[in-house]
Amino acid sequence: MQSSGAPRSLRSLPPYCRLACSEAPGWKERGLVLADSAFDDLLAANADYVGHFELAGFDGIAHAGVAVVTCMDSRIDPLRMLGLDHGDAKIFRNPGGRVTNAALEALVLGVHLLGVDRILVVPHTRCAMASSTEAELRQRVSEASGQDASWTSWRVIDDQEEALRDDVNRVRAHPLIPDHVAVGGFLYDVDTGRLHHLV
């Protein structure tokens, strides 16, 4: 089959989209190509998931009453590490597993609207956010991106246990987190899978 000359990802679009994209000012000069093929494997997996989907009509309540604030690290599987299933918990993830303002918003909503009555704050061992300085992360991001990242702030953690204690106390002290909600701080060991209850 002969190529039309357009980038593959652009050719796969409907004609009106191809025209709009190809005629956009500076499109060719900037080398812009819609990267639809980058997601092909995931969309194929989703199609298989749809074929076996059994959760239609499932509610959004945390059925085990659990909320977890943890790190974005891919070595952490929050549900499996706690023996939970789909729908049992609300999960909030960020670099370092810190209780940020956004995390607090999620916890308040979880407690009052989604059945949460147990909150776990879970950083982990060998976390880059606890083993790097701000300067080191800025340098690594600058080198990886080829851009100046000296203006960034990454909230690195000098002392994980102290930071965990501060985060747990911040949740407990929040005026919209009732006293009956259990709040605990745990350290997850990425090499053993064990949770250590520290706070």
N, C-alpha and C. Protein backbone atom coordinates (compact mmCIF):
# COMPACT_ATOMS: atom_id res chain seq x y z
N MET A 1 0.85 -1.19 0.00
CA MET A 1 0.00 0.00 0.00
C MET A 1 0.88 1.24 0.00
N GLN A 2 0.57 2.19 -0.87
CA GLN A 2 1.35 3.41 -0.96
C GLN A 2 0.98 4.38 0.15
N SER A 3 1.99 5.06 0.65
CA SER A 3 1.75 6.07 1.68
C SER A 3 1.22 7.34 1.05
N SER A 4 0.35 8.03 1.77
CA SER A 4 -0.17 9.30 1.27
C SER A 4 0.82 10.44 1.50
N GLY A 5 1.88 10.14 2.25
CA GLY A 5 2.86 11.18 2.54
C GLY A 5 2.63 11.87 3.86
N ALA A 6 1.45 11.73 4.44
CA ALA A 6 1.18 12.33 5.74
C ALA A 6 1.70 11.42 6.83
N PRO A 7 2.07 11.97 7.98
CA PRO A 7 2.50 11.12 9.09
C PRO A 7 1.44 10.09 9.42
N ARG A 8 1.88 8.89 9.83
CA ARG A 8 0.94 7.79 10.05
C ARG A 8 -0.15 8.16 11.04
N SER A 9 0.25 8.81 12.16
CA SER A 9 -0.74 9.14 13.18
C SER A 9 -1.76 10.14 12.68
N LEU A 10 -1.35 11.00 11.75
CA LEU A 10 -2.28 11.97 11.18
C LEU A 10 -3.21 11.30 10.17
N ARG A 11 -2.68 10.34 9.37
CA ARG A 11 -3.50 9.66 8.37
C ARG A 11 -4.63 8.88 9.01
N SER A 12 -4.44 8.45 10.25
CA SER A 12 -5.45 7.62 10.89
C SER A 12 -6.66 8.44 11.37
N LEU A 13 -6.56 9.77 11.30
CA LEU A 13 -7.65 10.62 11.77
C LEU A 13 -8.71 10.79 10.69
N PRO A 14 -9.93 11.17 11.08
CA PRO A 14 -10.96 11.52 10.09
C PRO A 14 -10.48 12.66 9.22
N PRO A 15 -10.99 12.77 7.97
CA PRO A 15 -10.51 13.79 7.03
C PRO A 15 -10.56 15.21 7.58
N TYR A 16 -11.64 15.56 8.30
CA TYR A 16 -11.73 16.94 8.79
C TYR A 16 -10.66 17.24 9.82
N CYS A 17 -10.26 16.22 10.59
CA CYS A 17 -9.19 16.42 11.57
C CYS A 17 -7.84 16.54 10.88
N ARG A 18 -7.62 15.71 9.85
CA ARG A 18 -6.37 15.77 9.11
C ARG A 18 -6.18 17.15 8.50
N LEU A 19 -7.25 17.68 7.93
CA LEU A 19 -7.17 18.99 7.29
C LEU A 19 -6.87 20.07 8.32
N ALA A 20 -7.58 20.03 9.43
CA ALA A 20 -7.39 21.05 10.46
C ALA A 20 -5.98 21.02 11.02
N CYS A 21 -5.46 19.81 11.26
CA CYS A 21 -4.12 19.69 11.83
C CYS A 21 -3.05 20.09 10.82
N SER A 22 -3.18 19.59 9.60
CA SER A 22 -2.13 19.82 8.61
C SER A 22 -2.06 21.28 8.17
N GLU A 23 -3.16 22.01 8.30
CA GLU A 23 -3.16 23.41 7.88
C GLU A 23 -2.95 24.38 9.04
N ALA A 24 -2.79 23.84 10.25
CA ALA A 24 -2.55 24.73 11.40
C ALA A 24 -1.23 25.45 11.22
N PRO A 25 -1.17 26.75 11.54
CA PRO A 25 0.06 27.52 11.36
C PRO A 25 1.23 26.90 12.11
N GLY A 26 2.34 26.72 11.42
CA GLY A 26 3.55 26.21 12.05
C GLY A 26 3.54 24.74 12.36
N TRP A 27 2.53 24.01 11.89
CA TRP A 27 2.41 22.59 12.25
C TRP A 27 3.62 21.80 11.77
N LYS A 28 3.95 21.96 10.48
CA LYS A 28 5.08 21.21 9.93
C LYS A 28 6.40 21.70 10.49
N GLU A 29 6.52 23.03 10.66
CA GLU A 29 7.76 23.59 11.16
C GLU A 29 8.10 23.08 12.56
N ARG A 30 7.07 22.90 13.37
CA ARG A 30 7.30 22.43 14.74
C ARG A 30 7.38 20.91 14.81
N GLY A 31 7.13 20.23 13.70
CA GLY A 31 7.21 18.77 13.69
C GLY A 31 6.14 18.12 14.53
N LEU A 32 4.98 18.76 14.63
CA LEU A 32 3.93 18.22 15.48
C LEU A 32 3.21 17.06 14.81
N VAL A 33 3.14 15.95 15.49
CA VAL A 33 2.41 14.77 15.02
C VAL A 33 1.57 14.27 16.18
N LEU A 34 0.30 14.03 15.94
CA LEU A 34 -0.54 13.49 17.00
C LEU A 34 -0.09 12.07 17.32
N ALA A 35 0.32 11.85 18.56
CA ALA A 35 0.96 10.58 18.92
C ALA A 35 -0.06 9.54 19.35
N ASP A 36 -1.06 9.31 18.50
CA ASP A 36 -2.08 8.33 18.86
C ASP A 36 -1.49 6.93 18.98
N SER A 37 -0.48 6.61 18.19
CA SER A 37 0.08 5.26 18.22
C SER A 37 0.78 4.98 19.54
N ALA A 38 1.14 6.01 20.29
CA ALA A 38 1.81 5.81 21.58
C ALA A 38 0.90 5.11 22.57
N PHE A 39 -0.41 5.13 22.33
CA PHE A 39 -1.36 4.55 23.27
C PHE A 39 -2.03 3.29 22.74
N ASP A 40 -1.57 2.80 21.58
CA ASP A 40 -2.24 1.67 20.95
C ASP A 40 -2.30 0.44 21.85
N ASP A 41 -1.19 0.12 22.53
CA ASP A 41 -1.17 -1.07 23.38
C ASP A 41 -2.14 -0.93 24.54
N LEU A 42 -2.24 0.29 25.07
CA LEU A 42 -3.14 0.52 26.20
C LEU A 42 -4.60 0.47 25.77
N LEU A 43 -4.88 1.01 24.60
CA LEU A 43 -6.25 0.96 24.10
C LEU A 43 -6.65 -0.47 23.75
N ALA A 44 -5.70 -1.26 23.26
CA ALA A 44 -5.99 -2.67 22.99
C ALA A 44 -6.29 -3.41 24.29
N ALA A 45 -5.52 -3.11 25.32
CA ALA A 45 -5.77 -3.73 26.62
C ALA A 45 -7.12 -3.29 27.17
N ASN A 46 -7.46 -2.02 26.95
CA ASN A 46 -8.75 -1.52 27.42
C ASN A 46 -9.90 -2.21 26.70
N ALA A 47 -9.73 -2.48 25.41
CA ALA A 47 -10.77 -3.18 24.66
C ALA A 47 -11.01 -4.56 25.26
N ASP A 48 -9.94 -5.23 25.67
CA ASP A 48 -10.08 -6.53 26.32
C ASP A 48 -10.77 -6.38 27.67
N TYR A 49 -10.40 -5.33 28.39
CA TYR A 49 -11.01 -5.04 29.70
C TYR A 49 -12.51 -4.82 29.55
N VAL A 50 -12.89 -4.06 28.54
CA VAL A 50 -14.31 -3.80 28.29
C VAL A 50 -15.06 -5.10 28.04
N GLY A 51 -14.41 -6.02 27.35
CA GLY A 51 -15.05 -7.29 27.05
C GLY A 51 -15.34 -8.14 28.27
N HIS A 52 -14.63 -7.86 29.37
CA HIS A 52 -14.83 -8.62 30.61
C HIS A 52 -15.31 -7.73 31.75
N PHE A 53 -15.78 -6.53 31.43
CA PHE A 53 -16.13 -5.54 32.44
C PHE A 53 -17.34 -5.98 33.25
N GLU A 54 -17.19 -5.95 34.58
CA GLU A 54 -18.26 -6.42 35.47
C GLU A 54 -18.65 -5.38 36.52
N LEU A 55 -18.23 -4.14 36.33
CA LEU A 55 -18.44 -3.14 37.38
C LEU A 55 -19.46 -2.08 37.02
N ALA A 56 -20.26 -2.33 36.01
CA ALA A 56 -21.28 -1.36 35.63
C ALA A 56 -22.21 -1.10 36.81
N GLY A 57 -22.46 0.17 37.10
CA GLY A 57 -23.35 0.53 38.20
C GLY A 57 -22.69 0.51 39.56
N PHE A 58 -21.40 0.18 39.62
CA PHE A 58 -20.68 0.14 40.90
C PHE A 58 -20.61 1.54 41.49
N ASP A 59 -20.82 1.66 42.80
CA ASP A 59 -20.81 2.99 43.41
C ASP A 59 -19.38 3.46 43.70
N GLY A 60 -19.24 4.70 44.16
CA GLY A 60 -17.93 5.27 44.40
C GLY A 60 -17.53 5.31 45.86
N ILE A 61 -18.22 4.53 46.69
CA ILE A 61 -17.94 4.51 48.13
C ILE A 61 -16.69 3.68 48.42
N ALA A 62 -15.93 4.07 49.45
CA ALA A 62 -14.80 3.25 49.91
C ALA A 62 -15.36 2.15 50.81
N HIS A 63 -15.55 0.97 50.26
CA HIS A 63 -16.29 -0.08 50.95
C HIS A 63 -15.58 -0.63 52.19
N ALA A 64 -14.27 -0.48 52.26
CA ALA A 64 -13.55 -0.87 53.48
C ALA A 64 -13.31 0.33 54.38
N GLY A 65 -13.83 1.49 53.98
CA GLY A 65 -13.68 2.70 54.78
C GLY A 65 -12.26 3.25 54.80
N VAL A 66 -11.45 2.88 53.81
CA VAL A 66 -10.02 3.19 53.82
C VAL A 66 -9.67 4.27 52.81
N ALA A 67 -8.79 5.18 53.23
CA ALA A 67 -8.13 6.12 52.32
C ALA A 67 -6.63 6.00 52.53
N VAL A 68 -5.89 6.04 51.45
CA VAL A 68 -4.43 5.91 51.52
C VAL A 68 -3.79 7.09 50.79
N VAL A 69 -2.87 7.76 51.50
CA VAL A 69 -2.01 8.76 50.85
C VAL A 69 -0.64 8.12 50.73
N THR A 70 -0.16 7.96 49.50
CA THR A 70 1.12 7.29 49.32
C THR A 70 1.86 7.88 48.13
N CYS A 71 3.04 7.35 47.88
CA CYS A 71 3.89 7.86 46.82
C CYS A 71 3.46 7.33 45.45
N MET A 72 3.87 8.05 44.41
CA MET A 72 3.58 7.65 43.03
C MET A 72 4.47 6.49 42.57
N ASP A 73 5.42 6.07 43.40
CA ASP A 73 6.38 5.03 43.04
C ASP A 73 5.67 3.77 42.53
N SER A 74 6.12 3.25 41.40
CA SER A 74 5.45 2.10 40.78
C SER A 74 5.70 0.79 41.51
N ARG A 75 6.56 0.79 42.53
CA ARG A 75 6.76 -0.42 43.33
C ARG A 75 5.66 -0.60 44.37
N ILE A 76 4.79 0.37 44.51
CA ILE A 76 3.73 0.31 45.52
C ILE A 76 2.41 -0.03 44.86
N ASP A 77 1.78 -1.08 45.33
CA ASP A 77 0.43 -1.46 44.90
C ASP A 77 -0.47 -1.31 46.12
N PRO A 78 -1.09 -0.14 46.31
CA PRO A 78 -1.80 0.16 47.56
C PRO A 78 -2.87 -0.85 47.93
N LEU A 79 -3.65 -1.32 46.98
CA LEU A 79 -4.72 -2.26 47.30
C LEU A 79 -4.16 -3.61 47.71
N ARG A 80 -3.24 -4.14 46.94
CA ARG A 80 -2.69 -5.47 47.23
C ARG A 80 -1.94 -5.49 48.55
N MET A 81 -1.22 -4.42 48.87
CA MET A 81 -0.42 -4.44 50.10
C MET A 81 -1.30 -4.45 51.34
N LEU A 82 -2.56 -4.06 51.19
CA LEU A 82 -3.49 -4.04 52.32
C LEU A 82 -4.55 -5.13 52.23
N GLY A 83 -4.45 -6.00 51.23
CA GLY A 83 -5.43 -7.06 51.07
C GLY A 83 -6.80 -6.56 50.67
N LEU A 84 -6.83 -5.44 49.95
CA LEU A 84 -8.09 -4.83 49.56
C LEU A 84 -8.42 -5.12 48.11
N ASP A 85 -9.68 -4.91 47.75
CA ASP A 85 -10.15 -5.13 46.39
C ASP A 85 -10.62 -3.82 45.78
N HIS A 86 -10.93 -3.89 44.49
CA HIS A 86 -11.48 -2.73 43.78
C HIS A 86 -12.69 -2.18 44.53
N GLY A 87 -12.70 -0.87 44.75
CA GLY A 87 -13.83 -0.24 45.42
C GLY A 87 -13.71 -0.16 46.93
N ASP A 88 -12.65 -0.75 47.49
CA ASP A 88 -12.51 -0.75 48.95
C ASP A 88 -11.92 0.54 49.50
N ALA A 89 -11.15 1.26 48.69
CA ALA A 89 -10.37 2.38 49.23
C ALA A 89 -10.29 3.54 48.26
N LYS A 90 -9.99 4.71 48.82
CA LYS A 90 -9.66 5.90 48.05
C LYS A 90 -8.15 6.07 48.11
N ILE A 91 -7.52 6.23 46.96
CA ILE A 91 -6.06 6.31 46.89
C ILE A 91 -5.65 7.68 46.36
N PHE A 92 -4.74 8.34 47.09
CA PHE A 92 -4.20 9.63 46.64
C PHE A 92 -2.68 9.48 46.58
N ARG A 93 -2.10 9.77 45.42
CA ARG A 93 -0.66 9.56 45.24
C ARG A 93 0.03 10.84 44.77
N ASN A 94 1.25 11.03 45.27
CA ASN A 94 2.09 12.13 44.82
C ASN A 94 3.54 11.78 45.13
N PRO A 95 4.51 12.54 44.62
CA PRO A 95 5.91 12.24 44.93
C PRO A 95 6.17 12.33 46.43
N GLY A 96 6.62 11.24 47.01
CA GLY A 96 6.94 11.23 48.43
C GLY A 96 5.81 10.82 49.35
N GLY A 97 4.59 10.75 48.83
CA GLY A 97 3.46 10.37 49.67
C GLY A 97 3.16 11.39 50.76
N ARG A 98 3.25 12.67 50.42
CA ARG A 98 3.05 13.73 51.41
C ARG A 98 1.59 14.16 51.50
N VAL A 99 1.22 14.67 52.69
CA VAL A 99 -0.12 15.22 52.89
C VAL A 99 -0.09 16.67 52.45
N THR A 100 -0.33 16.88 51.18
CA THR A 100 -0.39 18.22 50.59
C THR A 100 -1.79 18.79 50.79
N ASN A 101 -1.98 20.04 50.38
CA ASN A 101 -3.33 20.62 50.43
C ASN A 101 -4.30 19.82 49.58
N ALA A 102 -3.85 19.38 48.41
CA ALA A 102 -4.72 18.58 47.54
C ALA A 102 -5.07 17.25 48.20
N ALA A 103 -4.11 16.65 48.90
CA ALA A 103 -4.39 15.40 49.60
C ALA A 103 -5.42 15.61 50.70
N LEU A 104 -5.30 16.71 51.43
CA LEU A 104 -6.27 17.01 52.49
C LEU A 104 -7.67 17.21 51.92
N GLU A 105 -7.76 17.88 50.78
CA GLU A 105 -9.06 18.05 50.14
C GLU A 105 -9.68 16.69 49.83
N ALA A 106 -8.87 15.80 49.28
CA ALA A 106 -9.37 14.46 48.95
C ALA A 106 -9.81 13.71 50.20
N LEU A 107 -9.05 13.84 51.28
CA LEU A 107 -9.39 13.14 52.52
C LEU A 107 -10.69 13.66 53.13
N VAL A 108 -10.86 14.97 53.12
CA VAL A 108 -12.10 15.55 53.66
C VAL A 108 -13.30 15.06 52.87
N LEU A 109 -13.20 15.08 51.56
CA LEU A 109 -14.30 14.57 50.73
C LEU A 109 -14.52 13.08 50.97
N GLY A 110 -13.43 12.34 51.11
CA GLY A 110 -13.55 10.91 51.36
C GLY A 110 -14.27 10.62 52.67
N VAL A 111 -13.93 11.37 53.71
CA VAL A 111 -14.54 11.15 55.02
C VAL A 111 -16.03 11.49 55.02
N HIS A 112 -16.38 12.61 54.43
CA HIS A 112 -17.76 13.08 54.55
C HIS A 112 -18.70 12.61 53.45
N LEU A 113 -18.15 12.21 52.31
CA LEU A 113 -19.02 11.84 51.20
C LEU A 113 -18.82 10.42 50.69
N LEU A 114 -17.71 9.78 51.07
CA LEU A 114 -17.38 8.51 50.42
C LEU A 114 -17.08 7.38 51.40
N GLY A 115 -17.48 7.54 52.65
CA GLY A 115 -17.41 6.43 53.59
C GLY A 115 -16.08 6.16 54.23
N VAL A 116 -15.13 7.07 54.15
CA VAL A 116 -13.80 6.84 54.73
C VAL A 116 -13.82 7.07 56.24
N ASP A 117 -13.32 6.09 56.99
CA ASP A 117 -13.16 6.28 58.43
C ASP A 117 -11.79 5.79 58.93
N ARG A 118 -10.92 5.41 57.99
CA ARG A 118 -9.54 5.03 58.32
C ARG A 118 -8.62 5.63 57.26
N ILE A 119 -7.62 6.37 57.73
CA ILE A 119 -6.69 7.04 56.81
C ILE A 119 -5.27 6.56 57.10
N LEU A 120 -4.60 6.09 56.07
CA LEU A 120 -3.21 5.67 56.17
C LEU A 120 -2.34 6.60 55.34
N VAL A 121 -1.29 7.14 55.97
CA VAL A 121 -0.29 7.92 55.25
C VAL A 121 0.93 7.01 55.11
N VAL A 122 1.35 6.75 53.85
CA VAL A 122 2.32 5.68 53.62
C VAL A 122 3.45 6.12 52.68
N PRO A 123 4.53 6.70 53.21
CA PRO A 123 5.75 6.84 52.41
C PRO A 123 6.45 5.48 52.34
N HIS A 124 7.62 5.43 51.71
CA HIS A 124 8.26 4.12 51.53
C HIS A 124 9.78 4.23 51.59
N THR A 125 10.41 3.08 51.76
CA THR A 125 11.87 3.03 51.79
C THR A 125 12.43 3.30 50.39
N ARG A 126 13.67 3.73 50.37
CA ARG A 126 14.39 4.00 49.11
C ARG A 126 13.63 4.96 48.20
N CYS A 127 13.05 5.98 48.81
CA CYS A 127 12.29 6.98 48.05
C CYS A 127 13.24 8.08 47.56
N ALA A 128 13.15 8.42 46.29
CA ALA A 128 14.01 9.46 45.73
C ALA A 128 13.78 10.81 46.40
N MET A 129 12.54 11.03 46.87
CA MET A 129 12.24 12.31 47.51
C MET A 129 12.88 12.42 48.89
N ALA A 130 13.30 11.29 49.45
CA ALA A 130 13.93 11.30 50.77
C ALA A 130 15.43 11.04 50.69
N SER A 131 15.94 10.82 49.49
CA SER A 131 17.37 10.53 49.35
C SER A 131 18.07 11.52 48.42
N SER A 132 17.36 12.55 48.00
CA SER A 132 17.93 13.57 47.11
C SER A 132 17.73 14.95 47.74
N THR A 133 18.59 15.87 47.36
CA THR A 133 18.41 17.26 47.76
C THR A 133 17.64 18.00 46.66
N GLU A 134 17.13 19.18 47.00
CA GLU A 134 16.46 20.00 46.00
C GLU A 134 17.40 20.27 44.82
N ALA A 135 18.66 20.59 45.14
CA ALA A 135 19.63 20.91 44.09
C ALA A 135 19.86 19.71 43.17
N GLU A 136 19.95 18.52 43.76
CA GLU A 136 20.17 17.32 42.95
C GLU A 136 19.00 17.05 42.02
N LEU A 137 17.78 17.19 42.52
CA LEU A 137 16.62 16.95 41.66
C LEU A 137 16.52 18.00 40.56
N ARG A 138 16.81 19.26 40.90
CA ARG A 138 16.80 20.30 39.87
C ARG A 138 17.80 19.99 38.77
N GLN A 139 18.99 19.54 39.18
CA GLN A 139 20.02 19.22 38.20
C GLN A 139 19.60 18.04 37.33
N ARG A 140 19.05 17.00 37.95
CA ARG A 140 18.65 15.81 37.19
C ARG A 140 17.53 16.14 36.20
N VAL A 141 16.57 16.95 36.65
CA VAL A 141 15.47 17.34 35.75
C VAL A 141 15.99 18.24 34.63
N SER A 142 16.90 19.14 34.96
CA SER A 142 17.49 20.01 33.94
C SER A 142 18.22 19.20 32.88
N GLU A 143 19.01 18.22 33.34
CA GLU A 143 19.76 17.40 32.39
C GLU A 143 18.85 16.54 31.54
N ALA A 144 17.81 15.98 32.16
CA ALA A 144 16.90 15.10 31.42
C ALA A 144 16.05 15.86 30.42
N SER A 145 15.67 17.09 30.78
CA SER A 145 14.77 17.86 29.93
C SER A 145 15.49 18.78 28.95
N GLY A 146 16.75 19.09 29.26
CA GLY A 146 17.46 20.07 28.46
C GLY A 146 16.98 21.49 28.71
N GLN A 147 16.23 21.68 29.79
CA GLN A 147 15.68 22.99 30.13
C GLN A 147 16.16 23.40 31.52
N ASP A 148 16.10 24.68 31.79
CA ASP A 148 16.48 25.19 33.10
C ASP A 148 15.39 24.86 34.11
N ALA A 149 15.71 24.06 35.11
CA ALA A 149 14.74 23.70 36.15
C ALA A 149 15.13 24.29 37.50
N SER A 150 15.98 25.31 37.49
CA SER A 150 16.47 25.88 38.75
C SER A 150 15.37 26.56 39.55
N TRP A 151 14.25 26.86 38.92
CA TRP A 151 13.15 27.56 39.60
C TRP A 151 12.19 26.60 40.30
N THR A 152 12.38 25.30 40.12
CA THR A 152 11.42 24.33 40.65
C THR A 152 11.65 24.03 42.13
N SER A 153 10.60 23.55 42.78
CA SER A 153 10.68 23.10 44.17
C SER A 153 9.99 21.75 44.28
N TRP A 154 10.68 20.76 44.87
CA TRP A 154 10.18 19.39 44.85
C TRP A 154 9.77 18.86 46.21
N ARG A 155 9.84 19.68 47.25
CA ARG A 155 9.43 19.24 48.59
C ARG A 155 10.17 17.97 49.03
N VAL A 156 11.49 17.99 48.90
CA VAL A 156 12.27 16.83 49.33
C VAL A 156 12.13 16.64 50.83
N ILE A 157 12.40 15.42 51.27
CA ILE A 157 12.17 15.03 52.67
C ILE A 157 13.51 14.81 53.35
N ASP A 158 13.83 15.61 54.35
CA ASP A 158 15.09 15.47 55.07
C ASP A 158 15.05 14.30 56.05
N ASP A 159 13.92 14.14 56.73
CA ASP A 159 13.76 13.09 57.74
C ASP A 159 12.38 12.46 57.53
N GLN A 160 12.35 11.24 57.01
CA GLN A 160 11.07 10.63 56.66
C GLN A 160 10.15 10.46 57.85
N GLU A 161 10.69 10.01 58.98
CA GLU A 161 9.83 9.77 60.13
C GLU A 161 9.27 11.07 60.68
N GLU A 162 10.08 12.10 60.72
CA GLU A 162 9.60 13.40 61.19
C GLU A 162 8.54 13.96 60.24
N ALA A 163 8.79 13.83 58.94
CA ALA A 163 7.81 14.30 57.95
C ALA A 163 6.51 13.52 58.06
N LEU A 164 6.62 12.22 58.30
CA LEU A 164 5.42 11.39 58.45
C LEU A 164 4.63 11.81 59.68
N ARG A 165 5.33 12.07 60.77
CA ARG A 165 4.65 12.50 61.99
C ARG A 165 3.94 13.84 61.76
N ASP A 166 4.61 14.75 61.08
CA ASP A 166 3.99 16.05 60.77
C ASP A 166 2.75 15.87 59.90
N ASP A 167 2.85 14.99 58.91
CA ASP A 167 1.72 14.79 58.01
C ASP A 167 0.53 14.16 58.72
N VAL A 168 0.79 13.18 59.57
CA VAL A 168 -0.30 12.54 60.31
C VAL A 168 -0.95 13.55 61.25
N ASN A 169 -0.14 14.35 61.93
CA ASN A 169 -0.70 15.37 62.83
C ASN A 169 -1.50 16.40 62.05
N ARG A 170 -1.07 16.70 60.84
CA ARG A 170 -1.81 17.66 60.02
C ARG A 170 -3.20 17.13 59.68
N VAL A 171 -3.29 15.84 59.39
CA VAL A 171 -4.60 15.25 59.11
C VAL A 171 -5.45 15.24 60.37
N ARG A 172 -4.87 14.80 61.49
CA ARG A 172 -5.62 14.71 62.74
C ARG A 172 -6.12 16.07 63.21
N ALA A 173 -5.35 17.12 62.93
CA ALA A 173 -5.71 18.46 63.41
C ALA A 173 -6.68 19.18 62.48
N HIS A 174 -6.96 18.61 61.33
CA HIS A 174 -7.82 19.32 60.38
C HIS A 174 -9.24 19.43 60.95
N PRO A 175 -9.83 20.61 60.92
CA PRO A 175 -11.15 20.80 61.54
C PRO A 175 -12.26 19.98 60.88
N LEU A 176 -12.04 19.52 59.67
CA LEU A 176 -13.08 18.74 58.99
C LEU A 176 -12.78 17.24 58.97
N ILE A 177 -11.77 16.83 59.75
CA ILE A 177 -11.51 15.40 59.95
C ILE A 177 -11.95 15.07 61.38
N PRO A 178 -13.08 14.39 61.57
CA PRO A 178 -13.61 14.12 62.91
C PRO A 178 -12.68 13.22 63.73
N ASP A 179 -12.81 13.32 65.05
CA ASP A 179 -11.96 12.54 65.95
C ASP A 179 -12.16 11.03 65.80
N HIS A 180 -13.35 10.61 65.35
CA HIS A 180 -13.59 9.17 65.25
C HIS A 180 -12.86 8.52 64.07
N VAL A 181 -12.31 9.34 63.18
CA VAL A 181 -11.57 8.80 62.03
C VAL A 181 -10.17 8.39 62.49
N ALA A 182 -9.81 7.14 62.28
CA ALA A 182 -8.49 6.64 62.65
C ALA A 182 -7.47 7.10 61.61
N VAL A 183 -6.37 7.70 62.08
CA VAL A 183 -5.32 8.19 61.18
C VAL A 183 -3.99 7.59 61.64
N GLY A 184 -3.29 6.92 60.73
CA GLY A 184 -2.02 6.30 61.08
C GLY A 184 -0.95 6.58 60.05
N GLY A 185 0.30 6.57 60.51
CA GLY A 185 1.44 6.75 59.62
C GLY A 185 2.25 5.48 59.53
N PHE A 186 2.57 5.06 58.32
CA PHE A 186 3.24 3.79 58.08
C PHE A 186 4.38 3.98 57.09
N LEU A 187 5.42 3.16 57.21
CA LEU A 187 6.49 3.14 56.23
C LEU A 187 6.44 1.81 55.50
N TYR A 188 6.34 1.87 54.17
CA TYR A 188 6.27 0.66 53.35
C TYR A 188 7.67 0.29 52.89
N ASP A 189 8.06 -0.96 53.13
CA ASP A 189 9.36 -1.46 52.70
C ASP A 189 9.23 -2.05 51.30
N VAL A 190 9.84 -1.39 50.31
CA VAL A 190 9.68 -1.84 48.92
C VAL A 190 10.42 -3.14 48.64
N ASP A 191 11.29 -3.57 49.57
CA ASP A 191 12.04 -4.80 49.36
C ASP A 191 11.42 -6.02 50.03
N THR A 192 10.50 -5.79 50.96
CA THR A 192 9.83 -6.92 51.63
C THR A 192 8.32 -6.88 51.50
N GLY A 193 7.77 -5.70 51.19
CA GLY A 193 6.32 -5.55 51.13
C GLY A 193 5.67 -5.28 52.47
N ARG A 194 6.48 -5.16 53.52
CA ARG A 194 5.93 -5.00 54.87
C ARG A 194 5.64 -3.53 55.20
N LEU A 195 4.52 -3.32 55.88
CA LEU A 195 4.17 -2.01 56.42
C LEU A 195 4.64 -1.91 57.87
N HIS A 196 5.34 -0.85 58.19
CA HIS A 196 5.77 -0.62 59.57
C HIS A 196 4.96 0.55 60.13
N HIS A 197 4.24 0.30 61.21
CA HIS A 197 3.38 1.32 61.83
C HIS A 197 4.25 2.22 62.70
N LEU A 198 4.46 3.45 62.27
CA LEU A 198 5.36 4.36 62.98
C LEU A 198 4.64 5.44 63.76
N VAL A 199 3.47 5.85 63.32
CA VAL A 199 2.77 6.96 63.98
C VAL A 199 1.33 6.55 64.22
